[in-house]
Amino acid sequence: YTPPEKLVKLPPEGKIVHAFDFVRSDGGFVSVSGWAALDQQDADGCSITCLLKSKDNTYALETEKVERPDVTAAFKNKFKLDNAGFKARVSKNMLPKGRYQVGILIKDAKHGKEM
């Protein structure tokens, strides 16, 4: 697994629609799965990063894309969200001990957005 990257600064907050299928802490790993997209926009061309935020630091976890045609079908609108799925997994040994909040960062290279 790719080690988490400590972030110094986060981009401005924006409107992201998302849902976590699960956030698990099993054995020596933390696993996250779900979908996320920028509001009122196709998910094509966007990359999703999972964030783990502690009291003092925020860490970025590399994600693996997961096809989610069910998300497009559920919204029943003009936006294609098939590429909104993701999953991430990190060894607990790669993170300082503590409590973490889970978040999402989306980079849209096509429109030059990052939220």
PDB file of N, CA and C in Angstrom:
ATOM      1  N   TYR A   1       0.832  -1.190   0.000  1.00  0.00           N
ATOM      2  CA  TYR A   1       0.000   0.000   0.000  1.00  0.00           C
ATOM      3  C   TYR A   1       0.870   1.245   0.000  1.00  0.00           C
ATOM      4  N   THR A   2       0.366   2.266  -0.661  1.00  0.00           N
ATOM      5  CA  THR A   2       1.071   3.529  -0.710  1.00  0.00           C
ATOM      6  C   THR A   2       0.960   4.220   0.644  1.00  0.00           C
ATOM      7  N   PRO A   3       2.068   4.717   1.179  1.00  0.00           N
ATOM      8  CA  PRO A   3       1.994   5.416   2.470  1.00  0.00           C
ATOM      9  C   PRO A   3       1.127   6.672   2.362  1.00  0.00           C
ATOM     10  N   PRO A   4       0.433   7.021   3.432  1.00  0.00           N
ATOM     11  CA  PRO A   4      -0.367   8.253   3.401  1.00  0.00           C
ATOM     12  C   PRO A   4       0.545   9.470   3.298  1.00  0.00           C
ATOM     13  N   GLU A   5       0.040  10.492   2.628  1.00  0.00           N
ATOM     14  CA  GLU A   5       0.797  11.733   2.457  1.00  0.00           C
ATOM     15  C   GLU A   5       0.260  12.773   3.424  1.00  0.00           C
ATOM     16  N   LYS A   6       1.146  13.351   4.225  1.00  0.00           N
ATOM     17  CA  LYS A   6       0.742  14.406   5.155  1.00  0.00           C
ATOM     18  C   LYS A   6       0.512  15.690   4.358  1.00  0.00           C
ATOM     19  N   LEU A   7      -0.677  16.278   4.524  1.00  0.00           N
ATOM     20  CA  LEU A   7      -1.015  17.505   3.810  1.00  0.00           C
ATOM     21  C   LEU A   7      -0.747  18.716   4.681  1.00  0.00           C
ATOM     22  N   VAL A   8      -0.212  19.756   4.068  1.00  0.00           N
ATOM     23  CA  VAL A   8       0.066  20.998   4.779  1.00  0.00           C
ATOM     24  C   VAL A   8      -1.132  21.935   4.682  1.00  0.00           C
ATOM     25  N   LYS A   9      -1.793  21.914   3.513  1.00  0.00           N
ATOM     26  CA  LYS A   9      -2.899  22.841   3.272  1.00  0.00           C
ATOM     27  C   LYS A   9      -3.981  22.124   2.481  1.00  0.00           C
ATOM     28  N   LEU A  10      -5.232  22.395   2.797  1.00  0.00           N
ATOM     29  CA  LEU A  10      -6.363  21.853   2.055  1.00  0.00           C
ATOM     30  C   LEU A  10      -6.934  22.928   1.136  1.00  0.00           C
ATOM     31  N   PRO A  11      -7.507  22.526  -0.002  1.00  0.00           N
ATOM     32  CA  PRO A  11      -8.159  23.513  -0.868  1.00  0.00           C
ATOM     33  C   PRO A  11      -9.435  24.027  -0.209  1.00  0.00           C
ATOM     34  N   PRO A  12     -10.022  25.078  -0.770  1.00  0.00           N
ATOM     35  CA  PRO A  12     -11.273  25.587  -0.202  1.00  0.00           C
ATOM     36  C   PRO A  12     -12.362  24.516  -0.269  1.00  0.00           C
ATOM     37  N   GLU A  13     -13.253  24.555   0.714  1.00  0.00           N
ATOM     38  CA  GLU A  13     -14.356  23.592   0.730  1.00  0.00           C
ATOM     39  C   GLU A  13     -15.328  23.914  -0.397  1.00  0.00           C
ATOM     40  N   GLY A  14     -15.931  22.866  -0.916  1.00  0.00           N
ATOM     41  CA  GLY A  14     -16.914  23.021  -1.971  1.00  0.00           C
ATOM     42  C   GLY A  14     -18.023  22.006  -1.777  1.00  0.00           C
ATOM     43  N   LYS A  15     -18.975  22.031  -2.663  1.00  0.00           N
ATOM     44  CA  LYS A  15     -20.127  21.128  -2.571  1.00  0.00           C
ATOM     45  C   LYS A  15     -19.782  19.797  -3.235  1.00  0.00           C
ATOM     46  N   ILE A  16     -19.642  18.778  -2.415  1.00  0.00           N
ATOM     47  CA  ILE A  16     -19.371  17.421  -2.877  1.00  0.00           C
ATOM     48  C   ILE A  16     -20.526  16.544  -2.411  1.00  0.00           C
ATOM     49  N   VAL A  17     -21.078  15.760  -3.318  1.00  0.00           N
ATOM     50  CA  VAL A  17     -22.080  14.764  -2.937  1.00  0.00           C
ATOM     51  C   VAL A  17     -21.330  13.443  -2.785  1.00  0.00           C
ATOM     52  N   HIS A  18     -21.629  12.729  -1.719  1.00  0.00           N
ATOM     53  CA  HIS A  18     -20.883  11.499  -1.474  1.00  0.00           C
ATOM     54  C   HIS A  18     -21.628  10.590  -0.505  1.00  0.00           C
ATOM     55  N   ALA A  19     -21.167   9.370  -0.447  1.00  0.00           N
ATOM     56  CA  ALA A  19     -21.657   8.410   0.538  1.00  0.00           C
ATOM     57  C   ALA A  19     -20.552   7.388   0.770  1.00  0.00           C
ATOM     58  N   PHE A  20     -20.379   7.023   2.020  1.00  0.00           N
ATOM     59  CA  PHE A  20     -19.431   5.969   2.354  1.00  0.00           C
ATOM     60  C   PHE A  20     -20.198   4.659   2.456  1.00  0.00           C
ATOM     61  N   ASP A  21     -19.729   3.640   1.735  1.00  0.00           N
ATOM     62  CA  ASP A  21     -20.310   2.307   1.879  1.00  0.00           C
ATOM     63  C   ASP A  21     -19.866   1.718   3.206  1.00  0.00           C
ATOM     64  N   PHE A  22     -18.590   1.928   3.527  1.00  0.00           N
ATOM     65  CA  PHE A  22     -18.082   1.519   4.828  1.00  0.00           C
ATOM     66  C   PHE A  22     -16.768   2.222   5.146  1.00  0.00           C
ATOM     67  N   VAL A  23     -16.526   2.395   6.435  1.00  0.00           N
ATOM     68  CA  VAL A  23     -15.246   2.827   6.993  1.00  0.00           C
ATOM     69  C   VAL A  23     -14.955   1.810   8.084  1.00  0.00           C
ATOM     70  N   ARG A  24     -13.904   1.019   7.892  1.00  0.00           N
ATOM     71  CA  ARG A  24     -13.612  -0.070   8.823  1.00  0.00           C
ATOM     72  C   ARG A  24     -12.202   0.032   9.363  1.00  0.00           C
ATOM     73  N   SER A  25     -12.083  -0.351  10.599  1.00  0.00           N
ATOM     74  CA  SER A  25     -10.784  -0.502  11.231  1.00  0.00           C
ATOM     75  C   SER A  25     -10.687  -1.960  11.652  1.00  0.00           C
ATOM     76  N   ASP A  26     -10.121  -2.781  10.770  1.00  0.00           N
ATOM     77  CA  ASP A  26     -10.018  -4.217  11.007  1.00  0.00           C
ATOM     78  C   ASP A  26      -8.562  -4.610  11.167  1.00  0.00           C
ATOM     79  N   GLY A  27      -8.247  -5.278  12.261  1.00  0.00           N
ATOM     80  CA  GLY A  27      -6.872  -5.729  12.454  1.00  0.00           C
ATOM     81  C   GLY A  27      -5.901  -4.577  12.337  1.00  0.00           C
ATOM     82  N   GLY A  28      -4.967  -4.703  11.421  1.00  0.00           N
ATOM     83  CA  GLY A  28      -3.949  -3.681  11.260  1.00  0.00           C
ATOM     84  C   GLY A  28      -4.220  -2.698  10.147  1.00  0.00           C
ATOM     85  N   PHE A  29      -5.461  -2.650   9.628  1.00  0.00           N
ATOM     86  CA  PHE A  29      -5.766  -1.790   8.486  1.00  0.00           C
ATOM     87  C   PHE A  29      -6.994  -0.922   8.721  1.00  0.00           C
ATOM     88  N   VAL A  30      -7.024   0.202   7.994  1.00  0.00           N
ATOM     89  CA  VAL A  30      -8.207   1.053   7.888  1.00  0.00           C
ATOM     90  C   VAL A  30      -8.629   0.973   6.427  1.00  0.00           C
ATOM     91  N   SER A  31      -9.892   0.654   6.178  1.00  0.00           N
ATOM     92  CA  SER A  31     -10.425   0.535   4.822  1.00  0.00           C
ATOM     93  C   SER A  31     -11.621   1.463   4.665  1.00  0.00           C
ATOM     94  N   VAL A  32     -11.698   2.102   3.506  1.00  0.00           N
ATOM     95  CA  VAL A  32     -12.793   3.026   3.203  1.00  0.00           C
ATOM     96  C   VAL A  32     -13.289   2.712   1.791  1.00  0.00           C
ATOM     97  N   SER A  33     -14.602   2.716   1.616  1.00  0.00           N
ATOM     98  CA  SER A  33     -15.185   2.499   0.303  1.00  0.00           C
ATOM     99  C   SER A  33     -16.412   3.391   0.170  1.00  0.00           C
ATOM    100  N   GLY A  34     -16.648   3.883  -1.048  1.00  0.00           N
ATOM    101  CA  GLY A  34     -17.825   4.715  -1.275  1.00  0.00           C
ATOM    102  C   GLY A  34     -17.793   5.353  -2.645  1.00  0.00           C
ATOM    103  N   TRP A  35     -18.456   6.484  -2.752  1.00  0.00           N
ATOM    104  CA  TRP A  35     -18.477   7.243  -3.998  1.00  0.00           C
ATOM    105  C   TRP A  35     -18.529   8.724  -3.653  1.00  0.00           C
ATOM    106  N   ALA A  36     -18.047   9.546  -4.580  1.00  0.00           N
ATOM    107  CA  ALA A  36     -18.055  10.998  -4.375  1.00  0.00           C
ATOM    108  C   ALA A  36     -17.977  11.696  -5.724  1.00  0.00           C
ATOM    109  N   ALA A  37     -18.633  12.847  -5.821  1.00  0.00           N
ATOM    110  CA  ALA A  37     -18.615  13.645  -7.052  1.00  0.00           C
ATOM    111  C   ALA A  37     -18.850  15.105  -6.708  1.00  0.00           C
ATOM    112  N   LEU A  38     -18.356  15.974  -7.561  1.00  0.00           N
ATOM    113  CA  LEU A  38     -18.657  17.395  -7.406  1.00  0.00           C
ATOM    114  C   LEU A  38     -20.122  17.606  -7.750  1.00  0.00           C
ATOM    115  N   ASP A  39     -20.797  18.455  -7.011  1.00  0.00           N
ATOM    116  CA  ASP A  39     -22.228  18.695  -7.197  1.00  0.00           C
ATOM    117  C   ASP A  39     -22.522  19.241  -8.592  1.00  0.00           C
ATOM    118  N   GLN A  40     -23.563  18.703  -9.220  1.00  0.00           N
ATOM    119  CA  GLN A  40     -24.052  19.165 -10.527  1.00  0.00           C
ATOM    120  C   GLN A  40     -22.986  19.053 -11.619  1.00  0.00           C
ATOM    121  N   GLN A  41     -22.260  17.923 -11.604  1.00  0.00           N
ATOM    122  CA  GLN A  41     -21.187  17.751 -12.574  1.00  0.00           C
ATOM    123  C   GLN A  41     -20.924  16.264 -12.797  1.00  0.00           C
ATOM    124  N   ASP A  42     -20.522  15.898 -14.023  1.00  0.00           N
ATOM    125  CA  ASP A  42     -20.098  14.533 -14.306  1.00  0.00           C
ATOM    126  C   ASP A  42     -18.866  14.184 -13.477  1.00  0.00           C
ATOM    127  N   ALA A  43     -18.689  12.909 -13.205  1.00  0.00           N
ATOM    128  CA  ALA A  43     -17.526  12.447 -12.446  1.00  0.00           C
ATOM    129  C   ALA A  43     -16.347  12.094 -13.350  1.00  0.00           C
ATOM    130  N   ASP A  44     -16.561  12.050 -14.653  1.00  0.00           N
ATOM    131  CA  ASP A  44     -15.473  11.728 -15.580  1.00  0.00           C
ATOM    132  C   ASP A  44     -14.355  12.751 -15.448  1.00  0.00           C
ATOM    133  N   GLY A  45     -13.125  12.284 -15.454  1.00  0.00           N
ATOM    134  CA  GLY A  45     -11.976  13.178 -15.389  1.00  0.00           C
ATOM    135  C   GLY A  45     -11.626  13.661 -13.998  1.00  0.00           C
ATOM    136  N   CYS A  46     -12.338  13.195 -12.986  1.00  0.00           N
ATOM    137  CA  CYS A  46     -12.052  13.603 -11.610  1.00  0.00           C
ATOM    138  C   CYS A  46     -11.277  12.502 -10.884  1.00  0.00           C
ATOM    139  N   SER A  47     -10.357  12.917 -10.035  1.00  0.00           N
ATOM    140  CA  SER A  47      -9.660  11.948  -9.196  1.00  0.00           C
ATOM    141  C   SER A  47     -10.081  12.186  -7.742  1.00  0.00           C
ATOM    142  N   ILE A  48     -10.241  11.087  -7.020  1.00  0.00           N
ATOM    143  CA  ILE A  48     -10.725  11.141  -5.643  1.00  0.00           C
ATOM    144  C   ILE A  48      -9.609  10.707  -4.702  1.00  0.00           C
ATOM    145  N   THR A  49      -9.418  11.479  -3.655  1.00  0.00           N
ATOM    146  CA  THR A  49      -8.460  11.152  -2.607  1.00  0.00           C
ATOM    147  C   THR A  49      -9.230  11.061  -1.303  1.00  0.00           C
ATOM    148  N   CYS A  50      -8.932  10.048  -0.512  1.00  0.00           N
ATOM    149  CA  CYS A  50      -9.556   9.895   0.797  1.00  0.00           C
ATOM    150  C   CYS A  50      -8.680  10.625   1.814  1.00  0.00           C
ATOM    151  N   LEU A  51      -9.297  11.375   2.707  1.00  0.00           N
ATOM    152  CA  LEU A  51      -8.565  12.121   3.728  1.00  0.00           C
ATOM    153  C   LEU A  51      -8.841  11.539   5.110  1.00  0.00           C
ATOM    154  N   LEU A  52      -7.808  11.480   5.919  1.00  0.00           N
ATOM    155  CA  LEU A  52      -7.941  11.118   7.331  1.00  0.00           C
ATOM    156  C   LEU A  52      -7.408  12.296   8.130  1.00  0.00           C
ATOM    157  N   LYS A  53      -8.296  12.913   8.917  1.00  0.00           N
ATOM    158  CA  LYS A  53      -7.921  14.113   9.666  1.00  0.00           C
ATOM    159  C   LYS A  53      -7.928  13.815  11.157  1.00  0.00           C
ATOM    160  N   SER A  54      -6.790  14.059  11.788  1.00  0.00           N
ATOM    161  CA  SER A  54      -6.686  13.928  13.240  1.00  0.00           C
ATOM    162  C   SER A  54      -6.754  15.325  13.840  1.00  0.00           C
ATOM    163  N   LYS A  55      -6.544  15.414  15.132  1.00  0.00           N
ATOM    164  CA  LYS A  55      -6.561  16.711  15.811  1.00  0.00           C
ATOM    165  C   LYS A  55      -5.480  17.643  15.254  1.00  0.00           C
ATOM    166  N   ASP A  56      -4.325  17.062  14.906  1.00  0.00           N
ATOM    167  CA  ASP A  56      -3.187  17.880  14.505  1.00  0.00           C
ATOM    168  C   ASP A  56      -2.827  17.833  13.016  1.00  0.00           C
ATOM    169  N   ASN A  57      -3.202  16.758  12.318  1.00  0.00           N
ATOM    170  CA  ASN A  57      -2.743  16.570  10.945  1.00  0.00           C
ATOM    171  C   ASN A  57      -3.832  16.002  10.053  1.00  0.00           C
ATOM    172  N   THR A  58      -3.623  16.183   8.743  1.00  0.00           N
ATOM    173  CA  THR A  58      -4.490  15.584   7.739  1.00  0.00           C
ATOM    174  C   THR A  58      -3.616  14.766   6.794  1.00  0.00           C
ATOM    175  N   TYR A  59      -4.082  13.541   6.512  1.00  0.00           N
ATOM    176  CA  TYR A  59      -3.342  12.638   5.647  1.00  0.00           C
ATOM    177  C   TYR A  59      -4.195  12.278   4.435  1.00  0.00           C
ATOM    178  N   ALA A  60      -3.538  12.219   3.273  1.00  0.00           N
ATOM    179  CA  ALA A  60      -4.202  11.839   2.024  1.00  0.00           C
ATOM    180  C   ALA A  60      -3.877  10.384   1.716  1.00  0.00           C
ATOM    181  N   LEU A  61      -4.926   9.618   1.400  1.00  0.00           N
ATOM    182  CA  LEU A  61      -4.756   8.221   1.014  1.00  0.00           C
ATOM    183  C   LEU A  61      -5.069   8.071  -0.463  1.00  0.00           C
ATOM    184  N   GLU A  62      -4.181   7.416  -1.173  1.00  0.00           N
ATOM    185  CA  GLU A  62      -4.427   7.120  -2.578  1.00  0.00           C
ATOM    186  C   GLU A  62      -5.618   6.172  -2.662  1.00  0.00           C
ATOM    187  N   THR A  63      -6.464   6.369  -3.661  1.00  0.00           N
ATOM    188  CA  THR A  63      -7.643   5.516  -3.820  1.00  0.00           C
ATOM    189  C   THR A  63      -7.568   4.744  -5.131  1.00  0.00           C
ATOM    190  N   GLU A  64      -8.337   3.681  -5.173  1.00  0.00           N
ATOM    191  CA  GLU A  64      -8.502   2.898  -6.384  1.00  0.00           C
ATOM    192  C   GLU A  64      -9.898   3.202  -6.920  1.00  0.00           C
ATOM    193  N   LYS A  65      -9.990   3.458  -8.238  1.00  0.00           N
ATOM    194  CA  LYS A  65     -11.301   3.737  -8.842  1.00  0.00           C
ATOM    195  C   LYS A  65     -12.160   2.481  -8.842  1.00  0.00           C
ATOM    196  N   VAL A  66     -13.459   2.686  -8.616  1.00  0.00           N
ATOM    197  CA  VAL A  66     -14.442   1.606  -8.665  1.00  0.00           C
ATOM    198  C   VAL A  66     -15.600   2.085  -9.534  1.00  0.00           C
ATOM    199  N   GLU A  67     -15.959   1.313 -10.547  1.00  0.00           N
ATOM    200  CA  GLU A  67     -17.094   1.664 -11.404  1.00  0.00           C
ATOM    201  C   GLU A  67     -18.384   1.597 -10.589  1.00  0.00           C
ATOM    202  N   ARG A  68     -19.210   2.641 -10.659  1.00  0.00           N
ATOM    203  CA  ARG A  68     -20.451   2.705  -9.895  1.00  0.00           C
ATOM    204  C   ARG A  68     -21.620   3.167 -10.757  1.00  0.00           C
ATOM    205  N   PRO A  69     -22.049   2.348 -11.726  1.00  0.00           N
ATOM    206  CA  PRO A  69     -23.222   2.736 -12.531  1.00  0.00           C
ATOM    207  C   PRO A  69     -24.479   2.871 -11.681  1.00  0.00           C
ATOM    208  N   ASP A  70     -24.494   2.244 -10.510  1.00  0.00           N
ATOM    209  CA  ASP A  70     -25.644   2.359  -9.612  1.00  0.00           C
ATOM    210  C   ASP A  70     -25.839   3.788  -9.110  1.00  0.00           C
ATOM    211  N   VAL A  71     -24.749   4.537  -9.000  1.00  0.00           N
ATOM    212  CA  VAL A  71     -24.858   5.930  -8.536  1.00  0.00           C
ATOM    213  C   VAL A  71     -25.545   6.778  -9.609  1.00  0.00           C
ATOM    214  N   THR A  72     -25.127   6.612 -10.855  1.00  0.00           N
ATOM    215  CA  THR A  72     -25.787   7.332 -11.957  1.00  0.00           C
ATOM    216  C   THR A  72     -27.270   6.987 -11.999  1.00  0.00           C
ATOM    217  N   ALA A  73     -27.574   5.708 -11.877  1.00  0.00           N
ATOM    218  CA  ALA A  73     -28.973   5.253 -11.929  1.00  0.00           C
ATOM    219  C   ALA A  73     -29.788   5.814 -10.771  1.00  0.00           C
ATOM    220  N   ALA A  74     -29.201   5.907  -9.597  1.00  0.00           N
ATOM    221  CA  ALA A  74     -29.932   6.383  -8.413  1.00  0.00           C
ATOM    222  C   ALA A  74     -30.296   7.862  -8.516  1.00  0.00           C
ATOM    223  N   PHE A  75     -29.429   8.672  -9.117  1.00  0.00           N
ATOM    224  CA  PHE A  75     -29.698  10.106  -9.203  1.00  0.00           C
ATOM    225  C   PHE A  75     -30.683  10.462 -10.308  1.00  0.00           C
ATOM    226  N   LYS A  76     -30.752   9.663 -11.345  1.00  0.00           N
ATOM    227  CA  LYS A  76     -31.706   9.892 -12.435  1.00  0.00           C
ATOM    228  C   LYS A  76     -31.677  11.331 -12.946  1.00  0.00           C
ATOM    229  N   ASN A  77     -30.466  11.843 -13.174  1.00  0.00           N
ATOM    230  CA  ASN A  77     -30.339  13.181 -13.743  1.00  0.00           C
ATOM    231  C   ASN A  77     -29.398  13.106 -14.946  1.00  0.00           C
ATOM    232  N   LYS A  78     -28.988  14.229 -15.470  1.00  0.00           N
ATOM    233  CA  LYS A  78     -28.179  14.246 -16.691  1.00  0.00           C
ATOM    234  C   LYS A  78     -26.691  13.987 -16.448  1.00  0.00           C
ATOM    235  N   PHE A  79     -26.281  13.835 -15.198  1.00  0.00           N
ATOM    236  CA  PHE A  79     -24.863  13.702 -14.895  1.00  0.00           C
ATOM    237  C   PHE A  79     -24.429  12.238 -14.842  1.00  0.00           C
ATOM    238  N   LYS A  80     -23.285  11.967 -15.458  1.00  0.00           N
ATOM    239  CA  LYS A  80     -22.730  10.615 -15.475  1.00  0.00           C
ATOM    240  C   LYS A  80     -21.801  10.452 -14.262  1.00  0.00           C
ATOM    241  N   LEU A  81     -22.197   9.597 -13.343  1.00  0.00           N
ATOM    242  CA  LEU A  81     -21.447   9.411 -12.101  1.00  0.00           C
ATOM    243  C   LEU A  81     -20.843   8.012 -11.985  1.00  0.00           C
ATOM    244  N   ASP A  82     -20.786   7.284 -13.104  1.00  0.00           N
ATOM    245  CA  ASP A  82     -20.250   5.917 -13.084  1.00  0.00           C
ATOM    246  C   ASP A  82     -18.831   5.851 -12.521  1.00  0.00           C
ATOM    247  N   ASN A  83     -18.034   6.896 -12.720  1.00  0.00           N
ATOM    248  CA  ASN A  83     -16.639   6.901 -12.265  1.00  0.00           C
ATOM    249  C   ASN A  83     -16.460   7.543 -10.898  1.00  0.00           C
ATOM    250  N   ALA A  84     -17.516   7.620 -10.118  1.00  0.00           N
ATOM    251  CA  ALA A  84     -17.449   8.272  -8.808  1.00  0.00           C
ATOM    252  C   ALA A  84     -17.023   7.332  -7.687  1.00  0.00           C
ATOM    253  N   GLY A  85     -16.919   6.037  -7.962  1.00  0.00           N
ATOM    254  CA  GLY A  85     -16.594   5.073  -6.915  1.00  0.00           C
ATOM    255  C   GLY A  85     -15.112   5.031  -6.576  1.00  0.00           C
ATOM    256  N   PHE A  86     -14.825   4.692  -5.316  1.00  0.00           N
ATOM    257  CA  PHE A  86     -13.442   4.590  -4.863  1.00  0.00           C
ATOM    258  C   PHE A  86     -13.338   3.607  -3.698  1.00  0.00           C
ATOM    259  N   LYS A  87     -12.106   3.156  -3.469  1.00  0.00           N
ATOM    260  CA  LYS A  87     -11.794   2.411  -2.252  1.00  0.00           C
ATOM    261  C   LYS A  87     -10.348   2.700  -1.893  1.00  0.00           C
ATOM    262  N   ALA A  88     -10.069   2.658  -0.600  1.00  0.00           N
ATOM    263  CA  ALA A  88      -8.730   2.933  -0.089  1.00  0.00           C
ATOM    264  C   ALA A  88      -8.468   2.026   1.105  1.00  0.00           C
ATOM    265  N   ARG A  89      -7.197   1.718   1.295  1.00  0.00           N
ATOM    266  CA  ARG A  89      -6.813   0.886   2.433  1.00  0.00           C
ATOM    267  C   ARG A  89      -5.403   1.298   2.843  1.00  0.00           C
ATOM    268  N   VAL A  90      -5.202   1.423   4.144  1.00  0.00           N
ATOM    269  CA  VAL A  90      -3.895   1.821   4.664  1.00  0.00           C
ATOM    270  C   VAL A  90      -3.597   1.030   5.935  1.00  0.00           C
ATOM    271  N   SER A  91      -2.321   0.708   6.116  1.00  0.00           N
ATOM    272  CA  SER A  91      -1.887   0.030   7.336  1.00  0.00           C
ATOM    273  C   SER A  91      -1.897   1.033   8.484  1.00  0.00           C
ATOM    274  N   LYS A  92      -2.421   0.626   9.622  1.00  0.00           N
ATOM    275  CA  LYS A  92      -2.433   1.498  10.798  1.00  0.00           C
ATOM    276  C   LYS A  92      -1.017   1.862  11.228  1.00  0.00           C
ATOM    277  N   ASN A  93      -0.045   1.009  10.912  1.00  0.00           N
ATOM    278  CA  ASN A  93       1.351   1.292  11.262  1.00  0.00           C
ATOM    279  C   ASN A  93       1.897   2.508  10.533  1.00  0.00           C
ATOM    280  N   MET A  94       1.245   2.917   9.452  1.00  0.00           N
ATOM    281  CA  MET A  94       1.692   4.064   8.666  1.00  0.00           C
ATOM    282  C   MET A  94       1.098   5.380   9.163  1.00  0.00           C
ATOM    283  N   LEU A  95       0.226   5.315  10.176  1.00  0.00           N
ATOM    284  CA  LEU A  95      -0.429   6.507  10.718  1.00  0.00           C
ATOM    285  C   LEU A  95      -0.111   6.648  12.202  1.00  0.00           C
ATOM    286  N   PRO A  96       0.058   7.889  12.678  1.00  0.00           N
ATOM    287  CA  PRO A  96       0.182   8.079  14.123  1.00  0.00           C
ATOM    288  C   PRO A  96      -1.109   7.632  14.815  1.00  0.00           C
ATOM    289  N   LYS A  97      -0.984   7.091  16.016  1.00  0.00           N
ATOM    290  CA  LYS A  97      -2.167   6.669  16.764  1.00  0.00           C
ATOM    291  C   LYS A  97      -3.043   7.872  17.044  1.00  0.00           C
ATOM    292  N   GLY A  98      -4.357   7.635  17.054  1.00  0.00           N
ATOM    293  CA  GLY A  98      -5.292   8.716  17.334  1.00  0.00           C
ATOM    294  C   GLY A  98      -6.638   8.444  16.709  1.00  0.00           C
ATOM    295  N   ARG A  99      -7.530   9.404  16.872  1.00  0.00           N
ATOM    296  CA  ARG A  99      -8.867   9.336  16.279  1.00  0.00           C
ATOM    297  C   ARG A  99      -8.843  10.186  15.020  1.00  0.00           C
ATOM    298  N   TYR A 100      -9.537   9.688  13.991  1.00  0.00           N
ATOM    299  CA  TYR A 100      -9.532  10.357  12.704  1.00  0.00           C
ATOM    300  C   TYR A 100     -10.950  10.553  12.179  1.00  0.00           C
ATOM    301  N   GLN A 101     -11.133  11.677  11.489  1.00  0.00           N
ATOM    302  CA  GLN A 101     -12.348  11.916  10.723  1.00  0.00           C
ATOM    303  C   GLN A 101     -12.013  11.587   9.273  1.00  0.00           C
ATOM    304  N   VAL A 102     -12.987  11.048   8.547  1.00  0.00           N
ATOM    305  CA  VAL A 102     -12.780  10.691   7.156  1.00  0.00           C
ATOM    306  C   VAL A 102     -13.380  11.775   6.271  1.00  0.00           C
ATOM    307  N   GLY A 103     -12.640  12.140   5.237  1.00  0.00           N
ATOM    308  CA  GLY A 103     -13.106  13.157   4.307  1.00  0.00           C
ATOM    309  C   GLY A 103     -12.757  12.800   2.877  1.00  0.00           C
ATOM    310  N   ILE A 104     -13.161  13.654   1.956  1.00  0.00           N
ATOM    311  CA  ILE A 104     -12.966  13.436   0.525  1.00  0.00           C
ATOM    312  C   ILE A 104     -12.344  14.686  -0.088  1.00  0.00           C
ATOM    313  N   LEU A 105     -11.403  14.475  -1.002  1.00  0.00           N
ATOM    314  CA  LEU A 105     -10.827  15.547  -1.803  1.00  0.00           C
ATOM    315  C   LEU A 105     -10.991  15.129  -3.262  1.00  0.00           C
ATOM    316  N   ILE A 106     -11.565  16.013  -4.080  1.00  0.00           N
ATOM    317  CA  ILE A 106     -11.747  15.719  -5.501  1.00  0.00           C
ATOM    318  C   ILE A 106     -10.974  16.748  -6.318  1.00  0.00           C
ATOM    319  N   LYS A 107     -10.195  16.233  -7.273  1.00  0.00           N
ATOM    320  CA  LYS A 107      -9.476  17.088  -8.220  1.00  0.00           C
ATOM    321  C   LYS A 107     -10.095  16.880  -9.597  1.00  0.00           C
ATOM    322  N   ASP A 108     -10.504  17.965 -10.209  1.00  0.00           N
ATOM    323  CA  ASP A 108     -11.094  17.949 -11.538  1.00  0.00           C
ATOM    324  C   ASP A 108     -10.159  18.695 -12.486  1.00  0.00           C
ATOM    325  N   ALA A 109      -9.295  17.965 -13.165  1.00  0.00           N
ATOM    326  CA  ALA A 109      -8.331  18.570 -14.068  1.00  0.00           C
ATOM    327  C   ALA A 109      -9.006  19.260 -15.253  1.00  0.00           C
ATOM    328  N   LYS A 110     -10.121  18.712 -15.700  1.00  0.00           N
ATOM    329  CA  LYS A 110     -10.841  19.248 -16.870  1.00  0.00           C
ATOM    330  C   LYS A 110     -11.313  20.677 -16.629  1.00  0.00           C
ATOM    331  N   HIS A 111     -11.828  20.954 -15.420  1.00  0.00           N
ATOM    332  CA  HIS A 111     -12.357  22.284 -15.097  1.00  0.00           C
ATOM    333  C   HIS A 111     -11.436  23.078 -14.166  1.00  0.00           C
ATOM    334  N   GLY A 112     -10.290  22.523 -13.800  1.00  0.00           N
ATOM    335  CA  GLY A 112      -9.337  23.216 -12.931  1.00  0.00           C
ATOM    336  C   GLY A 112      -9.849  23.440 -11.523  1.00  0.00           C
ATOM    337  N   LYS A 113     -10.656  22.481 -11.017  1.00  0.00           N
ATOM    338  CA  LYS A 113     -11.217  22.611  -9.674  1.00  0.00           C
ATOM    339  C   LYS A 113     -10.567  21.613  -8.725  1.00  0.00           C
ATOM    340  N   GLU A 114     -10.501  21.992  -7.472  1.00  0.00           N
ATOM    341  CA  GLU A 114     -10.050  21.098  -6.421  1.00  0.00           C
ATOM    342  C   GLU A 114     -10.808  21.458  -5.150  1.00  0.00           C
ATOM    343  N   MET A 115     -11.513  20.472  -4.590  1.00  0.00           N
ATOM    344  CA  MET A 115     -12.317  20.720  -3.386  1.00  0.00           C
ATOM    345  C   MET A 115     -12.175  19.554  -2.444  1.00  0.00           C
TER     346      MET A 115
END
